[in-house]
N, C-alpha and C. Protein backbone atom coordinates (compact mmCIF):
# COMPACT_ATOMS: atom_id res chain seq x y z
N MET A 1 82.80 95.19 105.23
CA MET A 1 83.13 93.14 104.23
C MET A 1 82.23 92.47 104.36
N LEU A 2 81.38 92.46 103.55
CA LEU A 2 80.45 90.99 102.42
C LEU A 2 81.18 90.29 103.71
N ARG A 3 80.52 88.88 103.18
CA ARG A 3 81.23 87.15 104.11
C ARG A 3 81.99 87.21 103.20
N LYS A 4 81.28 86.64 101.59
CA LYS A 4 81.53 86.49 100.25
C LYS A 4 82.96 86.87 100.06
N ASP A 5 83.29 88.43 100.37
CA ASP A 5 84.54 88.84 100.61
C ASP A 5 85.62 88.71 100.83
N ILE A 6 84.88 88.15 102.24
CA ILE A 6 85.63 87.11 103.60
C ILE A 6 86.07 86.25 103.14
N LEU A 7 85.19 85.52 102.32
CA LEU A 7 86.04 83.69 102.11
C LEU A 7 86.68 84.39 100.86
N ASP A 8 86.27 85.76 99.64
CA ASP A 8 87.53 85.57 98.84
C ASP A 8 89.28 85.38 99.70
N LYS A 9 88.58 86.71 100.08
CA LYS A 9 90.31 87.29 101.53
C LYS A 9 91.40 86.00 101.59
N LEU A 10 90.37 84.89 102.79
CA LEU A 10 91.54 84.07 103.05
C LEU A 10 91.38 83.07 102.38
N LYS A 11 90.51 83.07 100.92
CA LYS A 11 91.21 81.23 100.43
C LYS A 11 92.24 81.88 99.47
N GLN A 12 92.43 83.25 99.56
CA GLN A 12 93.05 84.09 98.83
C GLN A 12 94.93 83.80 99.06
N HIS A 13 94.43 84.50 100.04
CA HIS A 13 95.76 84.13 101.42
C HIS A 13 96.30 81.94 101.07
N GLY A 14 95.06 81.52 101.16
CA GLY A 14 95.79 79.88 101.53
C GLY A 14 95.04 80.03 102.94
N VAL A 15 93.72 80.47 103.23
CA VAL A 15 93.90 79.12 104.51
C VAL A 15 91.94 79.60 104.77
N MET A 16 92.17 78.44 105.05
CA MET A 16 90.01 77.58 105.30
C MET A 16 89.75 78.00 105.94
N PRO A 17 88.50 78.61 105.31
CA PRO A 17 87.78 79.41 105.85
C PRO A 17 87.12 79.50 107.13
N THR A 18 87.19 79.23 108.29
CA THR A 18 86.70 77.78 109.04
C THR A 18 85.21 78.95 110.14
N ALA A 19 84.78 78.51 110.36
CA ALA A 19 83.40 79.74 111.11
C ALA A 19 84.59 80.45 111.82
N GLN A 20 85.12 80.06 113.07
CA GLN A 20 85.27 80.93 113.54
C GLN A 20 85.80 81.95 112.84
N ARG A 21 87.11 81.68 111.86
CA ARG A 21 88.78 83.02 110.72
C ARG A 21 87.62 83.59 110.64
N ILE A 22 86.25 83.59 109.84
CA ILE A 22 85.28 84.45 109.21
C ILE A 22 85.29 84.74 110.02
N GLU A 23 84.41 85.06 111.46
CA GLU A 23 84.06 86.00 113.12
C GLU A 23 85.10 86.78 113.11
N VAL A 24 86.47 86.07 112.68
CA VAL A 24 88.40 87.52 113.53
C VAL A 24 87.57 88.22 112.78
N ALA A 25 87.79 87.84 110.84
CA ALA A 25 88.02 88.11 110.24
C ALA A 25 87.30 89.28 109.83
N ALA A 26 85.43 89.15 109.84
CA ALA A 26 84.23 89.83 110.03
C ALA A 26 84.74 91.50 111.16
N VAL A 27 85.32 91.66 111.82
CA VAL A 27 85.09 92.11 113.23
C VAL A 27 87.17 92.61 112.34
N LEU A 28 88.04 92.31 112.31
CA LEU A 28 89.45 92.79 112.20
C LEU A 28 88.95 93.67 110.42
N LEU A 29 88.73 93.14 110.18
CA LEU A 29 88.31 93.90 108.54
C LEU A 29 87.58 94.85 107.92
N SER A 30 86.05 94.66 108.73
CA SER A 30 85.43 95.69 108.79
C SER A 30 86.21 97.26 107.77
N ARG A 31 87.15 97.72 108.70
CA ARG A 31 87.31 98.21 107.96
C ARG A 31 88.89 98.69 107.95
N PRO A 32 89.32 100.30 108.13
CA PRO A 32 90.41 100.11 108.61
C PRO A 32 91.25 100.20 109.49
N GLN A 33 91.69 99.75 110.16
CA GLN A 33 91.39 99.88 111.61
C GLN A 33 93.19 99.27 112.37
N HIS A 34 93.60 100.05 113.32
CA HIS A 34 94.81 99.28 114.36
C HIS A 34 94.24 98.13 115.75
N LEU A 35 93.76 97.70 115.82
CA LEU A 35 93.34 96.50 117.49
C LEU A 35 94.03 95.78 117.72
N SER A 36 94.14 94.99 118.44
CA SER A 36 95.03 94.05 119.27
C SER A 36 94.28 93.20 119.74
N ALA A 37 93.87 91.93 120.02
CA ALA A 37 93.73 90.10 119.88
C ALA A 37 93.25 90.86 120.99
N ASP A 38 92.35 91.62 122.46
CA ASP A 38 91.37 91.95 123.30
C ASP A 38 90.60 92.59 122.11
N GLN A 39 90.80 93.26 122.61
CA GLN A 39 90.37 94.45 121.47
C GLN A 39 88.86 93.96 120.05
N ILE A 40 89.70 92.89 120.10
CA ILE A 40 89.00 91.83 118.95
C ILE A 40 88.21 91.20 119.69
N ILE A 41 88.63 89.96 120.44
CA ILE A 41 88.18 89.21 121.98
C ILE A 41 86.93 90.15 122.29
N ASP A 42 87.17 91.92 122.19
CA ASP A 42 85.84 92.11 122.68
C ASP A 42 84.60 92.61 122.33
N LYS A 43 84.98 92.74 120.49
CA LYS A 43 84.07 93.01 119.49
C LYS A 43 83.35 91.72 119.53
N LEU A 44 83.96 90.82 119.77
CA LEU A 44 83.13 89.02 118.98
C LEU A 44 82.21 89.08 120.15
N LYS A 45 82.62 89.18 122.12
CA LYS A 45 81.85 89.39 122.60
C LYS A 45 80.68 89.77 122.76
N SER A 46 80.72 91.05 121.75
CA SER A 46 79.45 91.79 121.79
C SER A 46 78.62 91.48 120.72
N ARG A 47 78.91 90.65 119.67
CA ARG A 47 77.95 90.06 118.97
C ARG A 47 77.75 88.62 119.53
N ARG A 48 77.64 88.87 120.57
CA ARG A 48 77.71 86.80 121.05
C ARG A 48 78.45 86.54 120.33
N SER A 49 79.46 86.07 119.91
CA SER A 49 80.39 85.44 119.00
C SER A 49 80.49 85.03 120.46
N ARG A 50 81.63 83.74 120.11
CA ARG A 50 81.17 82.08 120.92
C ARG A 50 82.60 81.30 120.34
N VAL A 51 84.05 82.91 119.83
CA VAL A 51 85.14 82.13 119.46
C VAL A 51 85.66 82.73 120.73
N SER A 52 86.78 81.42 121.43
CA SER A 52 87.59 81.52 122.16
C SER A 52 88.58 82.21 122.24
N LYS A 53 89.26 82.69 123.46
CA LYS A 53 90.77 83.54 124.26
C LYS A 53 91.12 83.15 122.38
N ALA A 54 92.12 82.37 122.87
CA ALA A 54 93.06 80.74 122.36
C ALA A 54 92.75 80.95 120.84
N THR A 55 91.87 80.71 120.11
CA THR A 55 91.15 80.08 118.43
C THR A 55 91.65 81.34 118.51
N VAL A 56 91.30 82.71 118.94
CA VAL A 56 91.69 84.60 118.70
C VAL A 56 92.99 84.50 118.53
N TYR A 57 94.28 84.60 119.04
CA TYR A 57 95.50 84.26 119.54
C TYR A 57 96.12 83.21 118.21
N ASN A 58 95.12 82.23 118.07
CA ASN A 58 96.00 81.60 117.04
C ASN A 58 95.58 81.90 115.23
N THR A 59 94.14 82.44 115.25
CA THR A 59 94.02 83.33 113.62
C THR A 59 94.92 83.89 113.91
N LEU A 60 94.80 85.30 114.79
CA LEU A 60 96.07 86.23 114.80
C LEU A 60 97.34 86.20 114.44
N LYS A 61 97.80 85.38 115.14
CA LYS A 61 99.09 84.56 114.45
C LYS A 61 98.90 84.32 113.10
N LEU A 62 97.54 83.03 112.38
CA LEU A 62 98.11 82.72 111.09
C LEU A 62 97.58 83.96 110.10
N PHE A 63 96.38 84.86 110.22
CA PHE A 63 96.53 85.99 109.44
C PHE A 63 98.14 86.49 109.01
N SER A 64 98.19 86.90 110.48
CA SER A 64 99.44 87.64 110.39
C SER A 64 100.48 86.59 108.89
N GLU A 65 100.81 85.08 109.83
CA GLU A 65 101.46 85.15 108.82
C GLU A 65 101.40 84.76 107.35
N GLN A 66 100.14 84.72 106.79
CA GLN A 66 99.29 84.32 105.53
C GLN A 66 99.65 86.17 104.69
N GLY A 67 99.18 87.22 105.87
CA GLY A 67 99.53 88.98 105.15
C GLY A 67 98.48 88.60 104.84
N ILE A 68 97.09 88.61 105.76
CA ILE A 68 96.23 88.48 105.81
C ILE A 68 95.66 90.37 106.26
N VAL A 69 96.27 89.82 107.84
CA VAL A 69 96.43 91.48 108.17
C VAL A 69 98.17 91.84 108.75
N LYS A 70 98.69 92.60 109.01
CA LYS A 70 99.70 93.18 109.82
C LYS A 70 99.99 93.15 110.86
N GLU A 71 101.56 92.25 111.75
CA GLU A 71 101.14 92.86 112.88
C GLU A 71 102.24 93.84 113.59
N LEU A 72 101.76 94.97 114.94
CA LEU A 72 103.03 95.29 114.58
C LEU A 72 103.29 95.33 117.03
N SER A 73 104.34 95.36 116.38
CA SER A 73 104.32 95.74 118.00
C SER A 73 104.50 96.96 118.35
N VAL A 74 104.17 97.05 119.27
CA VAL A 74 104.80 98.92 119.82
C VAL A 74 104.87 98.87 120.85
N ASP A 75 105.57 97.74 121.40
CA ASP A 75 106.43 97.79 122.97
C ASP A 75 106.25 96.39 123.31
N SER A 76 107.59 96.03 123.74
CA SER A 76 107.33 94.58 124.40
C SER A 76 106.48 93.91 124.62
N SER A 77 105.22 93.65 124.95
CA SER A 77 103.82 93.64 125.90
C SER A 77 102.72 94.23 124.82
N ARG A 78 102.44 94.98 124.10
CA ARG A 78 102.40 95.27 123.17
C ARG A 78 101.90 95.38 122.12
N LYS A 79 101.08 93.62 120.73
CA LYS A 79 100.77 94.02 119.75
C LYS A 79 99.17 94.34 118.91
N PHE A 80 99.50 95.02 118.23
CA PHE A 80 98.52 95.23 116.90
C PHE A 80 97.85 95.15 116.10
N TYR A 81 96.72 94.24 114.85
CA TYR A 81 96.78 93.78 114.01
C TYR A 81 95.55 94.81 113.02
N ASP A 82 97.09 94.68 112.06
CA ASP A 82 96.19 96.97 111.49
C ASP A 82 95.92 95.20 109.89
N SER A 83 94.42 96.42 110.09
CA SER A 83 94.52 95.75 108.43
C SER A 83 94.30 96.49 107.47
N THR A 84 95.43 97.46 107.43
CA THR A 84 96.22 98.05 106.08
C THR A 84 97.54 96.78 106.12
N THR A 85 97.27 96.51 104.93
CA THR A 85 99.18 95.71 105.10
C THR A 85 100.55 96.29 104.36
N HIS A 86 99.42 97.51 103.13
CA HIS A 86 101.30 97.39 102.78
C HIS A 86 101.76 98.66 103.24
N SER A 87 102.79 98.82 103.27
CA SER A 87 104.15 99.25 103.79
C SER A 87 103.36 100.80 104.43
N HIS A 88 103.64 101.59 105.23
CA HIS A 88 102.72 102.57 106.13
C HIS A 88 103.57 102.66 107.40
N HIS A 89 103.22 103.89 107.60
CA HIS A 89 104.04 104.09 108.97
C HIS A 89 102.83 104.99 110.65
N HIS A 90 103.69 104.60 111.10
CA HIS A 90 102.53 105.07 112.29
C HIS A 90 102.85 105.70 114.24
N PHE A 91 101.95 106.66 113.64
CA PHE A 91 101.72 107.20 115.83
C PHE A 91 101.67 106.79 116.26
N TYR A 92 101.53 106.39 117.40
CA TYR A 92 101.33 105.46 118.58
C TYR A 92 101.15 106.08 120.00
N HIS A 93 100.08 106.77 120.22
CA HIS A 93 99.97 108.35 121.55
C HIS A 93 99.86 106.36 123.12
N VAL A 94 100.94 106.85 123.55
CA VAL A 94 101.70 106.30 124.64
C VAL A 94 100.99 106.16 125.71
N ASP A 95 99.42 107.45 125.40
CA ASP A 95 98.95 107.69 127.55
C ASP A 95 97.55 106.97 126.60
N SER A 96 97.27 106.88 125.39
CA SER A 96 95.81 106.46 125.56
C SER A 96 96.05 104.87 124.44
N GLY A 97 96.94 104.74 123.95
CA GLY A 97 97.03 103.71 123.59
C GLY A 97 96.75 103.75 122.08
N GLU A 98 96.31 104.44 121.69
CA GLU A 98 95.68 103.98 120.53
C GLU A 98 97.05 104.19 119.31
N LEU A 99 96.70 104.38 117.61
CA LEU A 99 97.83 104.30 116.78
C LEU A 99 96.93 104.08 115.57
N SER A 100 97.78 105.35 115.38
CA SER A 100 97.24 105.49 113.84
C SER A 100 98.18 106.19 112.71
N ASP A 101 97.66 106.19 111.45
CA ASP A 101 98.26 105.77 110.80
C ASP A 101 98.56 107.16 110.15
N ILE A 102 100.20 107.10 109.68
CA ILE A 102 100.80 108.40 108.92
C ILE A 102 100.50 107.82 107.26
N PRO A 103 100.78 108.66 106.63
CA PRO A 103 100.72 108.94 104.83
C PRO A 103 101.15 108.61 104.44
N GLY A 104 102.07 107.31 103.53
CA GLY A 104 103.77 107.60 103.20
C GLY A 104 104.48 109.01 102.96
N SER A 105 103.96 109.79 102.33
CA SER A 105 103.77 111.04 101.40
C SER A 105 104.12 112.15 102.44
N GLN A 106 104.26 111.89 103.59
CA GLN A 106 104.58 113.41 104.85
C GLN A 106 105.35 112.12 105.71
N ILE A 107 106.58 111.82 105.50
CA ILE A 107 107.83 111.27 105.79
C ILE A 107 108.32 111.25 104.29
N SER A 108 109.70 111.97 105.01
CA SER A 108 111.47 111.58 104.29
C SER A 108 111.83 110.53 104.94
N ILE A 109 112.40 110.23 104.28
CA ILE A 109 113.86 109.15 104.76
C ILE A 109 115.38 108.79 104.03
N SER A 110 115.97 110.01 104.55
CA SER A 110 117.21 109.69 104.39
C SER A 110 118.20 109.57 104.86
N GLY A 111 119.50 109.50 104.31
CA GLY A 111 121.07 109.03 105.32
C GLY A 111 120.40 107.52 105.54
N VAL A 112 119.84 107.06 104.76
CA VAL A 112 119.56 104.81 104.92
C VAL A 112 121.53 104.98 104.89
N PRO A 113 122.15 104.13 105.75
CA PRO A 113 122.85 104.19 105.30
C PRO A 113 123.00 102.44 104.86
N PRO A 114 124.87 102.30 103.76
CA PRO A 114 124.09 101.47 102.63
C PRO A 114 124.53 99.79 103.30
N LEU A 115 123.32 98.95 102.58
CA LEU A 115 123.27 97.71 102.91
C LEU A 115 123.54 96.70 102.98
N PRO A 116 123.36 96.08 103.64
CA PRO A 116 125.17 94.58 104.23
C PRO A 116 124.53 93.87 102.95
N ASN A 117 126.12 93.92 102.18
CA ASN A 117 126.66 93.35 100.37
C ASN A 117 125.16 91.80 100.55
N GLY A 118 124.89 91.56 99.72
CA GLY A 118 123.90 90.70 99.74
C GLY A 118 122.45 91.04 99.64
N THR A 119 122.32 92.10 99.63
CA THR A 119 120.85 92.31 100.44
C THR A 119 120.08 93.60 99.68
N GLU A 120 118.62 93.44 100.10
CA GLU A 120 118.12 94.81 99.08
C GLU A 120 116.66 94.92 100.43
N GLN A 121 116.56 96.18 99.37
CA GLN A 121 116.01 97.31 100.66
C GLN A 121 114.16 96.62 100.29
N GLU A 122 113.78 95.57 101.66
CA GLU A 122 112.09 95.74 101.36
C GLU A 122 111.77 96.40 102.21
N SER A 123 111.19 97.33 102.95
CA SER A 123 110.22 99.17 103.24
C SER A 123 111.07 99.25 104.88
N VAL A 124 111.29 100.83 104.43
CA VAL A 124 111.16 101.19 105.45
C VAL A 124 109.52 101.62 106.45
N GLU A 125 109.52 101.34 107.66
CA GLU A 125 108.45 101.49 108.48
C GLU A 125 108.72 102.25 109.29
N VAL A 126 107.86 103.37 109.68
CA VAL A 126 108.35 103.93 110.70
C VAL A 126 107.10 104.15 112.04
N LEU A 127 107.30 103.84 113.79
CA LEU A 127 106.84 104.26 114.08
C LEU A 127 107.13 105.59 115.25
N ILE A 128 106.20 106.06 115.14
CA ILE A 128 106.54 107.55 116.56
C ILE A 128 105.63 107.60 117.30
N ARG A 129 106.41 107.22 118.41
CA ARG A 129 105.74 107.31 119.92
C ARG A 129 105.84 108.85 120.21
N VAL A 130 103.84 109.17 120.50
CA VAL A 130 103.35 110.60 120.68
C VAL A 130 103.01 110.45 122.76
N ARG A 131 103.34 111.88 123.66
CA ARG A 131 102.32 110.95 123.65
C ARG A 131 101.49 112.74 124.86
N ASP A 132 100.43 113.17 125.78
CA ASP A 132 99.94 114.45 126.04
C ASP A 132 101.40 115.66 126.65
N LYS A 133 101.01 116.83 125.86
CA LYS A 133 102.02 117.19 126.59
C LYS A 133 102.35 117.68 128.14
N ARG A 134 102.65 117.99 129.26
CA ARG A 134 102.85 117.84 130.49
C ARG A 134 102.88 119.14 130.27
N ARG A 135 102.25 120.45 131.65
CA ARG A 135 102.26 121.32 131.53
C ARG A 135 103.18 121.20 132.62
C-alpha cells in the first residue's frame, strides 16, 4: 500500500496519521494478512523502525476500534490483527500458530436459534481450530 493510500485510509477512519501509525499501517496493510502484535514489532525492527512496543499495542487497539483492522482472539492469550475487515471465516492451526482465511462461500450455517427479542444478526464468523494429524 502506498503512503498516500495509508494516509487516506487513516483519515477516512478518523485516525490522525502520525509517523508511528503510518509505520504500523505500512506493515499491517501491505497485503491481506493476519499478524500478531509481536510479528508486527519484529517486522518494524527489521525495517529499523523505532516504534515502541507500547505504541504498537496502542495503535493496534485504535486501528481495531476505528475499523481499520479486525482483532481476532484465537485463545485467551493470542490475538491476531486481520487486514481484511469484512466478515469472513478462519482456520487456526494450533501447532504452527498460523491463521488463514476461509472464503465465505465455503461455509454454510444452518440451525441458528431465534435471536433475542429486539435484536438483529450482525454477522457470523467461524473459527475452526486444526492441528497436525497424529500418527
